[in-house]
Amino acid sequence: MPVQLTKIELDDRVRDVRRATAGDQHRILMKLVEESLGGTRIDSPRQKAGLLFRVEETRAGRHILVQSRCELSGQRLPSGVDIAGAKDLSPLLDRLSKGDVVRYRIVGSPMKRLGKSDRPRELRRRNGEQLSSNAHELPLLGAAADAWWEKKADQSGLELINATATRLNERIDHRGKRAVRMPAVRFDGLARVSDAEPLREAMVNGVGRGKVFGCGLLSLAYVRVGGAGAEAS
């Protein structure tokens, strides 16, 4: 099934659009997926549709890049959220070859799962907040986050040439009275394709955790002569 990239414009003049959390955005996109798949009585609709997304902020405003294995219709989009276009990513996926140099972008959620030997009571967040004794995961920041991406990139068939990390606001989803939060770091840079097959799999299925929070979508673009690159995903 072809992999499609859809651009969805966000009008921040609309209050609900401006205040939407990552969880809200995911639920909006899931309505489109369910419609495309023919209803809500489907096991694991997100996985079946291959839904991945990432919010992009530009001088012209914000938009969402949505990757899926099905064509998305805008009939169920709320006010202030509109489909601006779509393209087939199959040509890019087919073209990838070992040795190619590409630009990449991904928003990841670097986390460390704590083992029995870790002592959560002694762990603190960057702001000094102490983790509870029953904390099972620790957000990774700085050099630890860089190391997380280097490992994930290698597993995904990319040999990093360089990387720039930008810490973003936490991704939030309100579930009842509880707010679920995940760290988010954007990684940009150049890389060389070391193995095309796992790279295709990483692009199609996403990288790391937090996919329902808008993390994990790996975008690539071939480098043009002179250093410029066209967006490929």
C-alpha atoms as a PDB file:
ATOM      1  CA  MET A   1       0.000   0.000   0.000  1.00  0.00           C
ATOM      2  CA  PRO A   2       1.455   3.439  -0.941  1.00  0.00           C
ATOM      3  CA  VAL A   3       2.679   5.696   1.841  1.00  0.00           C
ATOM      4  CA  GLN A   4       1.197   9.176   1.678  1.00  0.00           C
ATOM      5  CA  LEU A   5       2.299  12.449   3.247  1.00  0.00           C
ATOM      6  CA  THR A   6      -0.469  14.968   3.873  1.00  0.00           C
ATOM      7  CA  LYS A   7       0.012  18.590   4.887  1.00  0.00           C
ATOM      8  CA  ILE A   8      -2.656  20.002   7.192  1.00  0.00           C
ATOM      9  CA  GLU A   9      -2.725  23.744   7.850  1.00  0.00           C
ATOM     10  CA  LEU A  10      -3.537  25.039  11.343  1.00  0.00           C
ATOM     11  CA  ASP A  11      -5.295  28.382  11.829  1.00  0.00           C
ATOM     12  CA  ASP A  12      -4.182  29.599  15.254  1.00  0.00           C
ATOM     13  CA  ARG A  13      -6.798  32.341  15.167  1.00  0.00           C
ATOM     14  CA  VAL A  14      -9.247  29.584  16.124  1.00  0.00           C
ATOM     15  CA  ARG A  15      -9.072  29.091  19.898  1.00  0.00           C
ATOM     16  CA  ASP A  16      -9.497  25.301  19.899  1.00  0.00           C
ATOM     17  CA  VAL A  17      -6.749  24.928  17.278  1.00  0.00           C
ATOM     18  CA  ARG A  18      -4.371  27.209  19.153  1.00  0.00           C
ATOM     19  CA  ARG A  19      -4.886  25.394  22.471  1.00  0.00           C
ATOM     20  CA  ALA A  20      -4.986  21.811  21.158  1.00  0.00           C
ATOM     21  CA  THR A  21      -2.562  19.420  22.828  1.00  0.00           C
ATOM     22  CA  ALA A  22      -0.699  16.639  21.050  1.00  0.00           C
ATOM     23  CA  GLY A  23      -3.364  14.261  22.319  1.00  0.00           C
ATOM     24  CA  ASP A  24      -6.109  16.443  20.821  1.00  0.00           C
ATOM     25  CA  GLN A  25      -4.306  16.519  17.478  1.00  0.00           C
ATOM     26  CA  HIS A  26      -3.947  12.745  17.494  1.00  0.00           C
ATOM     27  CA  ARG A  27      -7.678  12.279  18.125  1.00  0.00           C
ATOM     28  CA  ILE A  28      -8.533  14.608  15.234  1.00  0.00           C
ATOM     29  CA  LEU A  29      -6.272  12.626  12.906  1.00  0.00           C
ATOM     30  CA  MET A  30      -7.684   9.312  14.124  1.00  0.00           C
ATOM     31  CA  LYS A  31     -11.159  10.420  13.009  1.00  0.00           C
ATOM     32  CA  LEU A  32      -9.759  10.882   9.498  1.00  0.00           C
ATOM     33  CA  VAL A  33      -8.069   7.491   9.637  1.00  0.00           C
ATOM     34  CA  GLU A  34     -11.200   5.720  10.846  1.00  0.00           C
ATOM     35  CA  GLU A  35     -13.204   7.365   8.084  1.00  0.00           C
ATOM     36  CA  SER A  36     -10.649   6.281   5.476  1.00  0.00           C
ATOM     37  CA  LEU A  37     -10.598   2.716   6.814  1.00  0.00           C
ATOM     38  CA  GLY A  38     -14.366   2.476   6.758  1.00  0.00           C
ATOM     39  CA  GLY A  39     -15.420   2.812  10.387  1.00  0.00           C
ATOM     40  CA  THR A  40     -14.366   2.573  14.028  1.00  0.00           C
ATOM     41  CA  ARG A  41     -14.681  -1.206  14.498  1.00  0.00           C
ATOM     42  CA  ILE A  42     -11.115  -1.918  13.436  1.00  0.00           C
ATOM     43  CA  ASP A  43      -8.390  -3.461  15.563  1.00  0.00           C
ATOM     44  CA  SER A  44      -5.371  -1.157  16.004  1.00  0.00           C
ATOM     45  CA  PRO A  45      -6.473   1.458  13.439  1.00  0.00           C
ATOM     46  CA  ARG A  46      -3.410   3.666  14.012  1.00  0.00           C
ATOM     47  CA  GLN A  47      -1.009   0.823  13.284  1.00  0.00           C
ATOM     48  CA  LYS A  48      -3.054  -0.397  10.315  1.00  0.00           C
ATOM     49  CA  ALA A  49      -3.076   3.079   8.802  1.00  0.00           C
ATOM     50  CA  GLY A  50       0.581   3.683   9.677  1.00  0.00           C
ATOM     51  CA  LEU A  51      -0.382   7.034  11.198  1.00  0.00           C
ATOM     52  CA  LEU A  52       2.534   9.283  12.118  1.00  0.00           C
ATOM     53  CA  PHE A  53       2.523  13.051  12.458  1.00  0.00           C
ATOM     54  CA  ARG A  54       4.661  16.031  13.376  1.00  0.00           C
ATOM     55  CA  VAL A  55       3.777  19.678  13.987  1.00  0.00           C
ATOM     56  CA  GLU A  56       5.960  22.133  12.053  1.00  0.00           C
ATOM     57  CA  GLU A  57       6.294  25.828  12.948  1.00  0.00           C
ATOM     58  CA  THR A  58       7.310  28.289  10.216  1.00  0.00           C
ATOM     59  CA  ARG A  59       7.162  32.035   9.707  1.00  0.00           C
ATOM     60  CA  ALA A  60       3.960  31.491   7.752  1.00  0.00           C
ATOM     61  CA  GLY A  61       2.333  29.627  10.642  1.00  0.00           C
ATOM     62  CA  ARG A  62       1.930  26.083  11.896  1.00  0.00           C
ATOM     63  CA  HIS A  63       1.019  22.943  10.001  1.00  0.00           C
ATOM     64  CA  ILE A  64       0.947  19.199  10.623  1.00  0.00           C
ATOM     65  CA  LEU A  65       2.735  16.680   8.431  1.00  0.00           C
ATOM     66  CA  VAL A  66       0.725  13.446   8.504  1.00  0.00           C
ATOM     67  CA  GLN A  67       2.051  10.171   7.143  1.00  0.00           C
ATOM     68  CA  SER A  68      -0.353   7.303   6.461  1.00  0.00           C
ATOM     69  CA  ARG A  69      -0.969   4.250   4.318  1.00  0.00           C
ATOM     70  CA  CYS A  70      -4.414   5.536   3.384  1.00  0.00           C
ATOM     71  CA  GLU A  71      -5.741   8.672   1.712  1.00  0.00           C
ATOM     72  CA  LEU A  72      -7.118  11.160   4.224  1.00  0.00           C
ATOM     73  CA  SER A  73     -10.339  13.065   3.630  1.00  0.00           C
ATOM     74  CA  GLY A  74     -10.924  16.474   5.181  1.00  0.00           C
ATOM     75  CA  GLN A  75     -14.659  16.040   5.667  1.00  0.00           C
ATOM     76  CA  ARG A  76     -14.354  15.465   9.428  1.00  0.00           C
ATOM     77  CA  LEU A  77     -11.805  18.166  10.154  1.00  0.00           C
ATOM     78  CA  PRO A  78     -12.856  20.853  12.655  1.00  0.00           C
ATOM     79  CA  SER A  79     -12.861  24.568  11.937  1.00  0.00           C
ATOM     80  CA  GLY A  80      -9.376  25.998  11.487  1.00  0.00           C
ATOM     81  CA  VAL A  81      -7.837  22.691  10.345  1.00  0.00           C
ATOM     82  CA  ASP A  82      -7.596  22.163   6.575  1.00  0.00           C
ATOM     83  CA  ILE A  83      -5.802  19.779   4.207  1.00  0.00           C
ATOM     84  CA  ALA A  84      -3.368  21.740   2.038  1.00  0.00           C
ATOM     85  CA  GLY A  85      -2.053  18.905  -0.139  1.00  0.00           C
ATOM     86  CA  ALA A  86      -0.698  15.370  -0.274  1.00  0.00           C
ATOM     87  CA  LYS A  87       1.958  13.367  -2.095  1.00  0.00           C
ATOM     88  CA  ASP A  88       3.050   9.766  -2.531  1.00  0.00           C
ATOM     89  CA  LEU A  89       6.293   8.887  -0.746  1.00  0.00           C
ATOM     90  CA  SER A  90       6.774   5.598  -2.612  1.00  0.00           C
ATOM     91  CA  PRO A  91       9.283   7.055  -5.134  1.00  0.00           C
ATOM     92  CA  LEU A  92      11.509   8.242  -2.283  1.00  0.00           C
ATOM     93  CA  LEU A  93      11.287   4.942  -0.413  1.00  0.00           C
ATOM     94  CA  ASP A  94      12.138   3.012  -3.580  1.00  0.00           C
ATOM     95  CA  ARG A  95      15.082   5.297  -4.396  1.00  0.00           C
ATOM     96  CA  LEU A  96      16.959   4.945  -1.089  1.00  0.00           C
ATOM     97  CA  SER A  97      20.322   3.237  -1.550  1.00  0.00           C
ATOM     98  CA  LYS A  98      23.396   2.592   0.570  1.00  0.00           C
ATOM     99  CA  GLY A  99      25.817   5.511   0.447  1.00  0.00           C
ATOM    100  CA  ASP A 100      23.199   8.183  -0.326  1.00  0.00           C
ATOM    101  CA  VAL A 101      23.602  11.440   1.615  1.00  0.00           C
ATOM    102  CA  VAL A 102      20.339  12.866   2.932  1.00  0.00           C
ATOM    103  CA  ARG A 103      19.034  15.569   5.177  1.00  0.00           C
ATOM    104  CA  TYR A 104      16.860  14.328   8.003  1.00  0.00           C
ATOM    105  CA  ARG A 105      14.412  15.657  10.572  1.00  0.00           C
ATOM    106  CA  ILE A 106      12.693  13.865  13.403  1.00  0.00           C
ATOM    107  CA  VAL A 107      11.003  14.844  16.644  1.00  0.00           C
ATOM    108  CA  GLY A 108      11.858  12.091  19.084  1.00  0.00           C
ATOM    109  CA  SER A 109      10.896  11.340  22.673  1.00  0.00           C
ATOM    110  CA  PRO A 110      14.173  10.244  24.308  1.00  0.00           C
ATOM    111  CA  MET A 111      13.422   8.154  27.379  1.00  0.00           C
ATOM    112  CA  LYS A 112      15.359   5.735  29.573  1.00  0.00           C
ATOM    113  CA  ARG A 113      13.464   2.858  31.113  1.00  0.00           C
ATOM    114  CA  LEU A 114      14.658   2.455  34.701  1.00  0.00           C
ATOM    115  CA  GLY A 115      15.846  -0.981  35.766  1.00  0.00           C
ATOM    116  CA  LYS A 116      15.941  -2.591  39.170  1.00  0.00           C
ATOM    117  CA  SER A 117      19.425  -1.225  39.799  1.00  0.00           C
ATOM    118  CA  ASP A 118      18.312   2.388  39.330  1.00  0.00           C
ATOM    119  CA  ARG A 119      17.299   4.455  42.335  1.00  0.00           C
ATOM    120  CA  PRO A 120      14.433   6.745  41.219  1.00  0.00           C
ATOM    121  CA  ARG A 121      14.332   8.640  44.538  1.00  0.00           C
ATOM    122  CA  GLU A 122      17.735  10.122  43.718  1.00  0.00           C
ATOM    123  CA  LEU A 123      16.839  11.106  40.154  1.00  0.00           C
ATOM    124  CA  ARG A 124      15.741  14.645  39.377  1.00  0.00           C
ATOM    125  CA  ARG A 125      14.464  16.396  36.284  1.00  0.00           C
ATOM    126  CA  ARG A 126      16.404  19.272  34.769  1.00  0.00           C
ATOM    127  CA  ASN A 127      14.234  21.789  36.645  1.00  0.00           C
ATOM    128  CA  GLY A 128      15.143  20.141  39.950  1.00  0.00           C
ATOM    129  CA  GLU A 129      11.855  18.322  40.400  1.00  0.00           C
ATOM    130  CA  GLN A 130      12.446  15.016  42.171  1.00  0.00           C
ATOM    131  CA  LEU A 131      10.988  11.908  40.582  1.00  0.00           C
ATOM    132  CA  SER A 132       8.666   9.774  42.650  1.00  0.00           C
ATOM    133  CA  SER A 133       9.917   6.457  43.975  1.00  0.00           C
ATOM    134  CA  ASN A 134       7.631   4.609  41.545  1.00  0.00           C
ATOM    135  CA  ALA A 135       8.889   6.395  38.429  1.00  0.00           C
ATOM    136  CA  HIS A 136       9.757   3.849  35.745  1.00  0.00           C
ATOM    137  CA  GLU A 137      11.147   6.115  33.006  1.00  0.00           C
ATOM    138  CA  LEU A 138      13.460   9.090  32.891  1.00  0.00           C
ATOM    139  CA  PRO A 139      13.448  11.769  30.161  1.00  0.00           C
ATOM    140  CA  LEU A 140      16.845  12.132  28.495  1.00  0.00           C
ATOM    141  CA  LEU A 141      18.276  15.586  27.870  1.00  0.00           C
ATOM    142  CA  GLY A 142      21.461  17.087  26.477  1.00  0.00           C
ATOM    143  CA  ALA A 143      24.225  14.612  25.673  1.00  0.00           C
ATOM    144  CA  ALA A 144      22.030  11.692  26.788  1.00  0.00           C
ATOM    145  CA  ALA A 145      19.367  12.670  24.242  1.00  0.00           C
ATOM    146  CA  ASP A 146      22.034  13.023  21.532  1.00  0.00           C
ATOM    147  CA  ALA A 147      23.295   9.521  22.330  1.00  0.00           C
ATOM    148  CA  TRP A 148      19.716   8.212  22.176  1.00  0.00           C
ATOM    149  CA  TRP A 149      19.269   9.585  18.643  1.00  0.00           C
ATOM    150  CA  GLU A 150      22.687   8.359  17.481  1.00  0.00           C
ATOM    151  CA  LYS A 151      21.737   4.831  18.580  1.00  0.00           C
ATOM    152  CA  LYS A 152      18.262   5.009  17.009  1.00  0.00           C
ATOM    153  CA  ALA A 153      19.705   6.389  13.765  1.00  0.00           C
ATOM    154  CA  ASP A 154      22.248   3.562  13.564  1.00  0.00           C
ATOM    155  CA  GLN A 155      19.509   0.985  14.162  1.00  0.00           C
ATOM    156  CA  SER A 156      17.470   2.662  11.417  1.00  0.00           C
ATOM    157  CA  GLY A 157      20.173   2.438   8.764  1.00  0.00           C
ATOM    158  CA  LEU A 158      21.553   5.979   9.054  1.00  0.00           C
ATOM    159  CA  GLU A 159      25.155   6.969   9.698  1.00  0.00           C
ATOM    160  CA  LEU A 160      24.989  10.463  11.162  1.00  0.00           C
ATOM    161  CA  ILE A 161      27.284  13.084   9.651  1.00  0.00           C
ATOM    162  CA  ASN A 162      26.055  15.814  11.993  1.00  0.00           C
ATOM    163  CA  ALA A 163      23.094  16.544  14.234  1.00  0.00           C
ATOM    164  CA  THR A 164      21.493  19.610  15.777  1.00  0.00           C
ATOM    165  CA  ALA A 165      19.180  19.003  18.721  1.00  0.00           C
ATOM    166  CA  THR A 166      16.428  21.442  19.685  1.00  0.00           C
ATOM    167  CA  ARG A 167      14.498  20.855  22.868  1.00  0.00           C
ATOM    168  CA  LEU A 168      10.760  21.403  22.375  1.00  0.00           C
ATOM    169  CA  ASN A 169       7.869  21.788  24.777  1.00  0.00           C
ATOM    170  CA  GLU A 170       6.652  18.574  26.357  1.00  0.00           C
ATOM    171  CA  ARG A 171       3.943  16.723  24.457  1.00  0.00           C
ATOM    172  CA  ILE A 172       0.783  16.558  26.576  1.00  0.00           C
ATOM    173  CA  ASP A 173      -2.402  14.518  26.574  1.00  0.00           C
ATOM    174  CA  HIS A 174      -5.135  15.075  29.162  1.00  0.00           C
ATOM    175  CA  ARG A 175      -6.694  11.754  30.106  1.00  0.00           C
ATOM    176  CA  GLY A 176      -9.411  12.405  32.627  1.00  0.00           C
ATOM    177  CA  LYS A 177      -7.891  14.215  35.600  1.00  0.00           C
ATOM    178  CA  ARG A 178      -4.399  13.057  34.701  1.00  0.00           C
ATOM    179  CA  ALA A 179      -2.030  14.808  32.285  1.00  0.00           C
ATOM    180  CA  VAL A 180       0.378  12.497  30.461  1.00  0.00           C
ATOM    181  CA  ARG A 181       3.601  14.225  29.416  1.00  0.00           C
ATOM    182  CA  MET A 182       6.426  13.118  27.164  1.00  0.00           C
ATOM    183  CA  PRO A 183       9.704  14.882  26.337  1.00  0.00           C
ATOM    184  CA  ALA A 184      10.234  16.065  22.771  1.00  0.00           C
ATOM    185  CA  VAL A 185      13.521  16.876  21.026  1.00  0.00           C
ATOM    186  CA  ARG A 186      13.884  17.743  17.337  1.00  0.00           C
ATOM    187  CA  PHE A 187      16.969  16.424  15.567  1.00  0.00           C
ATOM    188  CA  ASP A 188      18.113  17.887  12.223  1.00  0.00           C
ATOM    189  CA  GLY A 189      21.192  17.204  10.172  1.00  0.00           C
ATOM    190  CA  LEU A 190      22.948  15.243   7.457  1.00  0.00           C
ATOM    191  CA  ALA A 191      23.386  11.477   7.337  1.00  0.00           C
ATOM    192  CA  ARG A 192      24.582   8.741   5.015  1.00  0.00           C
ATOM    193  CA  VAL A 193      22.396   5.737   4.258  1.00  0.00           C
ATOM    194  CA  SER A 194      24.176   2.688   5.688  1.00  0.00           C
ATOM    195  CA  ASP A 195      21.353   0.193   5.114  1.00  0.00           C
ATOM    196  CA  ALA A 196      18.328   1.081   2.997  1.00  0.00           C
ATOM    197  CA  GLU A 197      15.979  -1.682   4.192  1.00  0.00           C
ATOM    198  CA  PRO A 198      15.829  -0.798   7.912  1.00  0.00           C
ATOM    199  CA  LEU A 199      15.689   2.853   6.879  1.00  0.00           C
ATOM    200  CA  ARG A 200      12.547   2.226   4.829  1.00  0.00           C
ATOM    201  CA  GLU A 201      11.044   0.382   7.766  1.00  0.00           C
ATOM    202  CA  ALA A 202      11.903   3.247  10.130  1.00  0.00           C
ATOM    203  CA  MET A 203      10.292   5.779   7.803  1.00  0.00           C
ATOM    204  CA  VAL A 204       7.129   3.729   7.365  1.00  0.00           C
ATOM    205  CA  ASN A 205       6.700   2.636  11.008  1.00  0.00           C
ATOM    206  CA  GLY A 206       8.297   5.526  12.880  1.00  0.00           C
ATOM    207  CA  VAL A 207      11.166   5.685  15.364  1.00  0.00           C
ATOM    208  CA  GLY A 208      10.999   5.434  19.134  1.00  0.00           C
ATOM    209  CA  ARG A 209       8.114   6.121  21.443  1.00  0.00           C
ATOM    210  CA  GLY A 210       5.454   8.827  21.630  1.00  0.00           C
ATOM    211  CA  LYS A 211       3.891   8.305  18.207  1.00  0.00           C
ATOM    212  CA  VAL A 212       0.449   9.298  19.497  1.00  0.00           C
ATOM    213  CA  PHE A 213       2.107  12.479  20.791  1.00  0.00           C
ATOM    214  CA  GLY A 214       3.427  13.554  17.391  1.00  0.00           C
ATOM    215  CA  CYS A 215       6.876  11.961  17.734  1.00  0.00           C
ATOM    216  CA  GLY A 216       8.684   9.398  15.599  1.00  0.00           C
ATOM    217  CA  LEU A 217       8.063  10.656  12.045  1.00  0.00           C
ATOM    218  CA  LEU A 218      11.421  10.467  10.230  1.00  0.00           C
ATOM    219  CA  SER A 219      11.656  12.818   7.234  1.00  0.00           C
ATOM    220  CA  LEU A 220      14.397  12.670   4.600  1.00  0.00           C
ATOM    221  CA  ALA A 221      15.423  14.877   1.699  1.00  0.00           C
ATOM    222  CA  TYR A 222      18.163  14.318  -0.875  1.00  0.00           C
ATOM    223  CA  VAL A 223      20.931  16.892  -0.836  1.00  0.00           C
ATOM    224  CA  ARG A 224      21.097  19.016  -3.952  1.00  0.00           C
ATOM    225  CA  VAL A 225      24.243  20.421  -5.516  1.00  0.00           C
ATOM    226  CA  GLY A 226      25.148  23.580  -3.612  1.00  0.00           C
ATOM    227  CA  GLY A 227      23.857  22.274  -0.289  1.00  0.00           C
ATOM    228  CA  ALA A 228      20.132  22.845  -0.690  1.00  0.00           C
ATOM    229  CA  GLY A 229      17.653  20.047  -0.158  1.00  0.00           C
ATOM    230  CA  ALA A 230      14.078  19.448  -1.204  1.00  0.00           C
ATOM    231  CA  GLU A 231      11.633  18.142   1.389  1.00  0.00           C
ATOM    232  CA  ALA A 232      11.048  14.465   0.725  1.00  0.00           C
ATOM    233  CA  SER A 233       8.965  13.417   3.704  1.00  0.00           C
END
